[in-house]
Amino acid sequence: KKRKELDLTNQLKVNLFFKKNKIEYLIICAAKVGGIMSNLTFPTEFIYENLMIQTNLLKAALDFKVKKTIFLGTSCIYPKFSKTPIKENYLLSGNLEKTNEAYAIAKISGIKLAEAMYKQFGFKVICLMPTNLYGGKDNFDEFNSHVIPGIFTKILKAIKNKKKKVKLWGSGKPKREFLFVDDLADSLVFLMKKYNQNQHINVGSGNEVSILNLAKTIGQVIGFKGKFIFDKSKPDGTPRKLLNCQIIKKLGWRPKTSLTEGLMKTYSWYLKNYKK
């Protein structure tokens, strides 16, 4: 449902929806999300809306006896200078990255609420922490998007305006791990069937790439032959965020989509759908 059909920040409306629809299994993907600029500009909304959405849904799942719930968090929950690959037990072991602190604190609160409900009521819930996601149906806004759709939009804008340079934030040196959204969907179904522990669990691709090399790869997919200029006055964010995904791997799950393949699928979706 779209927000105008069901406002998840409204507890009464959420409860009425659960009462009417008799939900058996719940996957909480809804959230207020965005890139560095969006997080820095709207920290109030990032804390408030995420706290309200996840709290209303988790409480409704408990009250209306949902059989099993998955709560999606973020790799931003871990400390800025975590040792990598980042293990699940590194949570709350250090200071958060300031550029997305509001979002991270909200998601950490969701994990702790889920843990409390599990301990107190035996509520069956999986807290899944995905790495950076990308794919079709993403937000391709130049200023409020995540890094991959943001780079796509900037490159396409440069091509349209016949420019040979694209300016990106930061130094280009930070490394990020990316997971194609279809692989995440596959992991959700897998965990709903296979995982019953309360320990929150990481999911990622197991590979990381610098922002510079990411931009070059996207440029190759699109056919851009220009240069990338980095504005070092803008923040880089966390230096590295590679997740340790040994728990989900030992359960038998692996991602299927390489970064280049996923970027090609994303661009194909963009060309077919975005102008609509």
Protein backbone atom coordinates (compact mmCIF):
# COMPACT_ATOMS: atom_id res chain seq x y z
CA LYS A 1 0.00 0.00 0.00
CA LYS A 2 1.03 3.60 -0.60
CA ARG A 3 1.22 6.05 2.26
CA LYS A 4 -2.00 7.80 1.23
CA GLU A 5 -3.77 4.44 1.55
CA LEU A 6 -2.21 3.51 4.91
CA ASP A 7 -0.19 5.93 7.04
CA LEU A 8 2.14 3.65 9.02
CA THR A 9 2.99 6.46 11.46
CA ASN A 10 -0.64 6.35 12.66
CA GLN A 11 -1.06 3.58 15.24
CA LEU A 12 -4.87 3.51 15.09
CA LYS A 13 -4.91 3.11 11.29
CA VAL A 14 -2.23 0.39 11.48
CA ASN A 15 -4.22 -1.53 14.10
CA LEU A 16 -7.42 -1.29 12.05
CA PHE A 17 -5.55 -2.59 8.99
CA PHE A 18 -4.20 -5.60 10.93
CA LYS A 19 -7.61 -6.31 12.45
CA LYS A 20 -9.27 -6.29 9.01
CA ASN A 21 -6.64 -8.25 7.06
CA LYS A 22 -5.67 -11.12 9.40
CA ILE A 23 -1.94 -11.02 8.55
CA GLU A 24 0.00 -14.25 9.14
CA TYR A 25 3.52 -13.24 8.06
CA LEU A 26 4.93 -9.71 8.08
CA ILE A 27 8.02 -8.24 6.40
CA ILE A 28 8.73 -4.66 7.52
CA CYS A 29 10.46 -2.87 4.63
CA ALA A 30 8.76 0.50 5.05
CA ALA A 31 11.08 3.29 6.21
CA LYS A 32 12.16 6.89 5.71
CA VAL A 33 15.40 6.47 3.74
CA GLY A 34 17.91 8.52 1.75
CA GLY A 35 21.55 9.32 1.08
CA ILE A 36 24.00 11.50 2.99
CA MET A 37 22.44 14.84 1.96
CA SER A 38 18.93 13.70 2.84
CA ASN A 39 20.07 12.34 6.24
CA LEU A 40 21.88 15.58 7.06
CA THR A 41 18.95 17.77 5.98
CA PHE A 42 16.08 15.90 7.65
CA PRO A 43 17.38 14.21 10.85
CA THR A 44 14.12 14.88 12.72
CA GLU A 45 12.07 13.08 10.09
CA PHE A 46 14.58 10.22 9.95
CA ILE A 47 14.27 9.55 13.69
CA TYR A 48 10.56 10.31 14.14
CA GLU A 49 9.09 8.59 11.07
CA ASN A 50 11.21 5.45 11.39
CA LEU A 51 10.47 5.10 15.11
CA MET A 52 6.73 5.47 14.48
CA ILE A 53 6.58 3.11 11.47
CA GLN A 54 8.52 0.25 13.03
CA THR A 55 7.00 0.60 16.51
CA ASN A 56 3.43 0.60 15.21
CA LEU A 57 4.07 -2.41 12.98
CA LEU A 58 5.96 -4.48 15.55
CA LYS A 59 3.37 -3.80 18.27
CA ALA A 60 0.50 -4.62 15.88
CA ALA A 61 2.26 -7.85 14.87
CA LEU A 62 2.45 -8.81 18.54
CA ASP A 63 -1.12 -7.78 19.41
CA PHE A 64 -2.69 -9.44 16.38
CA LYS A 65 -0.63 -12.63 16.73
CA VAL A 66 1.35 -12.57 13.48
CA LYS A 67 3.09 -15.95 13.14
CA LYS A 68 6.48 -14.56 12.10
CA THR A 69 7.91 -11.11 11.37
CA ILE A 70 11.03 -9.82 9.62
CA PHE A 71 12.22 -6.33 10.54
CA LEU A 72 14.63 -4.79 8.02
CA GLY A 73 17.33 -2.55 9.47
CA THR A 74 20.55 -1.20 7.97
CA SER A 75 24.32 -1.60 8.09
CA CYS A 76 24.38 2.00 9.42
CA ILE A 77 23.61 0.59 12.88
CA TYR A 78 27.27 -0.35 13.38
CA PRO A 79 29.99 1.98 14.71
CA LYS A 80 31.79 4.21 12.20
CA PHE A 81 35.17 2.60 12.71
CA SER A 82 34.11 -1.02 13.12
CA LYS A 83 36.64 -3.67 12.26
CA THR A 84 35.67 -5.18 8.91
CA PRO A 85 34.02 -7.43 7.92
CA ILE A 86 31.50 -6.19 10.49
CA LYS A 87 30.08 -8.89 12.77
CA GLU A 88 26.63 -8.72 14.34
CA ASN A 89 28.07 -8.48 17.87
CA TYR A 90 29.82 -5.16 17.04
CA LEU A 91 26.49 -3.39 17.60
CA LEU A 92 26.75 -0.57 20.21
CA SER A 93 30.51 -1.07 20.59
CA GLY A 94 31.46 2.45 19.41
CA ASN A 95 30.33 5.82 18.06
CA LEU A 96 28.02 6.01 15.04
CA GLU A 97 28.73 7.84 11.78
CA LYS A 98 27.30 11.37 12.24
CA THR A 99 25.91 11.71 8.70
CA ASN A 100 23.34 8.95 9.28
CA GLU A 101 23.16 8.85 13.07
CA ALA A 102 19.43 9.69 13.22
CA TYR A 103 18.49 6.80 10.92
CA ALA A 104 20.83 4.40 12.72
CA ILE A 105 19.46 5.23 16.18
CA ALA A 106 15.90 4.63 15.00
CA LYS A 107 16.82 1.24 13.54
CA ILE A 108 18.79 0.22 16.65
CA SER A 109 15.68 1.06 18.69
CA GLY A 110 13.69 -1.28 16.43
CA ILE A 111 16.14 -4.11 17.05
CA LYS A 112 15.95 -3.59 20.80
CA LEU A 113 12.14 -3.46 20.77
CA ALA A 114 12.07 -6.73 18.80
CA GLU A 115 14.51 -8.32 21.28
CA ALA A 116 12.36 -7.20 24.21
CA MET A 117 9.19 -8.59 22.64
CA TYR A 118 10.95 -11.90 21.94
CA LYS A 119 12.20 -12.23 25.53
CA GLN A 120 8.97 -11.08 27.18
CA PHE A 121 6.33 -12.65 24.93
CA GLY A 122 8.12 -15.20 22.74
CA PHE A 123 7.34 -13.02 19.71
CA LYS A 124 8.86 -14.63 16.60
CA VAL A 125 10.85 -11.90 14.84
CA ILE A 126 13.97 -11.78 12.68
CA CYS A 127 15.94 -8.52 12.55
CA LEU A 128 17.73 -8.48 9.21
CA MET A 129 20.50 -5.95 8.57
CA PRO A 130 21.10 -5.57 4.81
CA THR A 131 24.04 -3.79 3.25
CA ASN A 132 23.48 -0.98 0.69
CA LEU A 133 20.68 -1.98 -1.70
CA TYR A 134 20.04 -1.02 -5.31
CA GLY A 135 17.86 -1.99 -8.25
CA GLY A 136 14.69 -1.11 -10.13
CA LYS A 137 11.98 1.09 -8.57
CA ASP A 138 14.65 3.02 -6.65
CA ASN A 139 14.58 6.77 -5.96
CA PHE A 140 16.64 8.39 -8.74
CA ASP A 141 16.42 11.93 -7.40
CA GLU A 142 19.78 13.69 -7.79
CA PHE A 143 19.84 15.08 -4.24
CA ASN A 144 17.82 12.72 -2.00
CA SER A 145 18.78 9.32 -3.42
CA HIS A 146 21.32 6.73 -2.33
CA VAL A 147 24.70 6.60 -4.02
CA ILE A 148 24.01 4.25 -6.97
CA PRO A 149 20.81 5.91 -8.30
CA GLY A 150 22.39 9.31 -7.54
CA ILE A 151 25.41 8.52 -9.73
CA PHE A 152 23.12 7.15 -12.46
CA THR A 153 21.15 10.41 -12.51
CA LYS A 154 24.23 12.65 -12.52
CA ILE A 155 25.86 10.72 -15.38
CA LEU A 156 22.67 10.72 -17.46
CA LYS A 157 22.26 14.45 -16.83
CA ALA A 158 25.86 15.04 -17.98
CA ILE A 159 25.27 13.03 -21.16
CA LYS A 160 22.06 14.95 -21.89
CA ASN A 161 23.86 18.28 -21.43
CA LYS A 162 26.90 17.05 -23.40
CA LYS A 163 29.23 17.48 -20.40
CA LYS A 164 32.41 15.43 -20.05
CA LYS A 165 32.76 15.75 -16.27
CA VAL A 166 30.56 14.56 -13.40
CA LYS A 167 31.00 15.98 -9.89
CA LEU A 168 30.47 13.60 -6.95
CA TRP A 169 30.58 14.11 -3.18
CA GLY A 170 33.62 13.26 -1.05
CA SER A 171 36.99 11.82 -2.02
CA GLY A 172 35.86 8.72 -3.91
CA LYS A 173 37.95 6.57 -1.55
CA PRO A 174 35.30 5.11 0.82
CA LYS A 175 34.37 1.51 0.07
CA ARG A 176 30.84 0.17 0.02
CA GLU A 177 29.21 -3.22 -0.28
CA PHE A 178 26.11 -3.48 -2.48
CA LEU A 179 23.34 -6.07 -2.75
CA PHE A 180 20.90 -6.29 -5.65
CA VAL A 181 17.33 -5.92 -4.40
CA ASP A 182 16.16 -9.22 -5.95
CA ASP A 183 18.83 -11.03 -3.91
CA LEU A 184 17.54 -9.38 -0.75
CA ALA A 185 13.99 -10.53 -1.60
CA ASP A 186 15.31 -14.05 -2.04
CA SER A 187 17.02 -13.90 1.37
CA LEU A 188 13.77 -12.77 3.02
CA VAL A 189 11.88 -15.83 1.80
CA PHE A 190 14.83 -18.05 2.75
CA LEU A 191 15.04 -16.69 6.32
CA MET A 192 11.29 -16.79 6.83
CA LYS A 193 11.54 -20.55 6.23
CA LYS A 194 14.93 -21.35 7.82
CA TYR A 195 15.79 -18.93 10.67
CA ASN A 196 14.17 -18.80 14.10
CA GLN A 197 16.80 -17.15 16.33
CA ASN A 198 16.44 -13.73 17.94
CA GLN A 199 20.03 -12.66 17.10
CA HIS A 200 19.94 -9.98 14.40
CA ILE A 201 21.56 -11.16 11.19
CA ASN A 202 23.58 -9.49 8.41
CA VAL A 203 22.96 -9.97 4.69
CA GLY A 204 25.25 -8.71 1.94
CA SER A 205 27.12 -9.60 -1.24
CA GLY A 206 30.51 -10.15 0.41
CA ASN A 207 32.21 -7.71 -2.01
CA GLU A 208 33.10 -4.06 -1.65
CA VAL A 209 34.03 -1.36 -4.16
CA SER A 210 35.35 2.20 -3.83
CA ILE A 211 32.98 5.01 -4.80
CA LEU A 212 35.38 5.97 -7.61
CA ASN A 213 35.39 2.45 -9.08
CA LEU A 214 31.63 2.23 -8.60
CA ALA A 215 31.20 5.44 -10.62
CA LYS A 216 33.49 4.08 -13.35
CA THR A 217 31.49 0.83 -13.52
CA ILE A 218 28.19 2.71 -13.77
CA GLY A 219 29.78 4.91 -16.45
CA GLN A 220 30.73 1.81 -18.44
CA VAL A 221 27.21 0.38 -18.14
CA ILE A 222 25.67 3.63 -19.39
CA GLY A 223 28.36 4.37 -21.97
CA PHE A 224 29.81 7.53 -20.38
CA LYS A 225 33.41 8.22 -21.37
CA GLY A 226 34.02 11.37 -19.35
CA LYS A 227 35.77 11.99 -16.01
CA PHE A 228 34.65 12.05 -12.39
CA ILE A 229 35.55 15.03 -10.20
CA PHE A 230 35.22 14.68 -6.42
CA ASP A 231 34.20 17.53 -4.12
CA LYS A 232 36.35 16.83 -1.06
CA SER A 233 34.62 19.58 0.94
CA LYS A 234 31.62 17.23 1.19
CA PRO A 235 31.52 14.32 3.69
CA ASP A 236 32.62 10.79 2.83
CA GLY A 237 30.60 9.00 5.49
CA THR A 238 31.93 5.77 6.99
CA PRO A 239 35.25 4.63 5.42
CA ARG A 240 34.15 0.97 5.02
CA LYS A 241 30.93 -0.97 5.70
CA LEU A 242 31.63 -4.53 4.56
CA LEU A 243 29.44 -6.94 6.53
CA ASN A 244 30.38 -10.33 7.93
CA CYS A 245 27.62 -12.61 6.61
CA GLN A 246 28.83 -15.95 7.94
CA ILE A 247 25.60 -16.68 9.84
CA ILE A 248 23.36 -16.51 6.77
CA LYS A 249 25.99 -18.30 4.64
CA LYS A 250 26.14 -21.19 7.12
CA LEU A 251 22.37 -21.47 6.83
CA GLY A 252 22.88 -22.05 3.09
CA TRP A 253 22.07 -18.71 1.43
CA ARG A 254 24.21 -16.96 -1.22
CA PRO A 255 23.53 -13.92 -3.45
CA LYS A 256 23.17 -14.65 -7.17
CA THR A 257 23.76 -11.25 -8.85
CA SER A 258 27.17 -9.64 -9.50
CA LEU A 259 27.49 -5.85 -9.22
CA THR A 260 27.91 -5.34 -12.98
CA GLU A 261 24.94 -7.60 -13.75
CA GLY A 262 22.80 -5.81 -11.17
CA LEU A 263 23.76 -2.38 -12.51
CA MET A 264 22.86 -3.47 -16.04
CA LYS A 265 19.45 -4.69 -14.82
CA THR A 266 18.95 -1.41 -12.95
CA TYR A 267 19.78 0.66 -16.04
CA SER A 268 17.46 -1.48 -18.16
CA TRP A 269 14.63 -0.85 -15.69
CA TYR A 270 15.40 2.88 -15.67
CA LEU A 271 15.23 3.15 -19.46
CA LYS A 272 11.89 1.32 -19.58
CA ASN A 273 10.17 2.91 -16.60
CA TYR A 274 11.64 6.05 -15.13
CA LYS A 275 10.26 8.61 -17.60
CA LYS A 276 6.80 7.16 -16.98
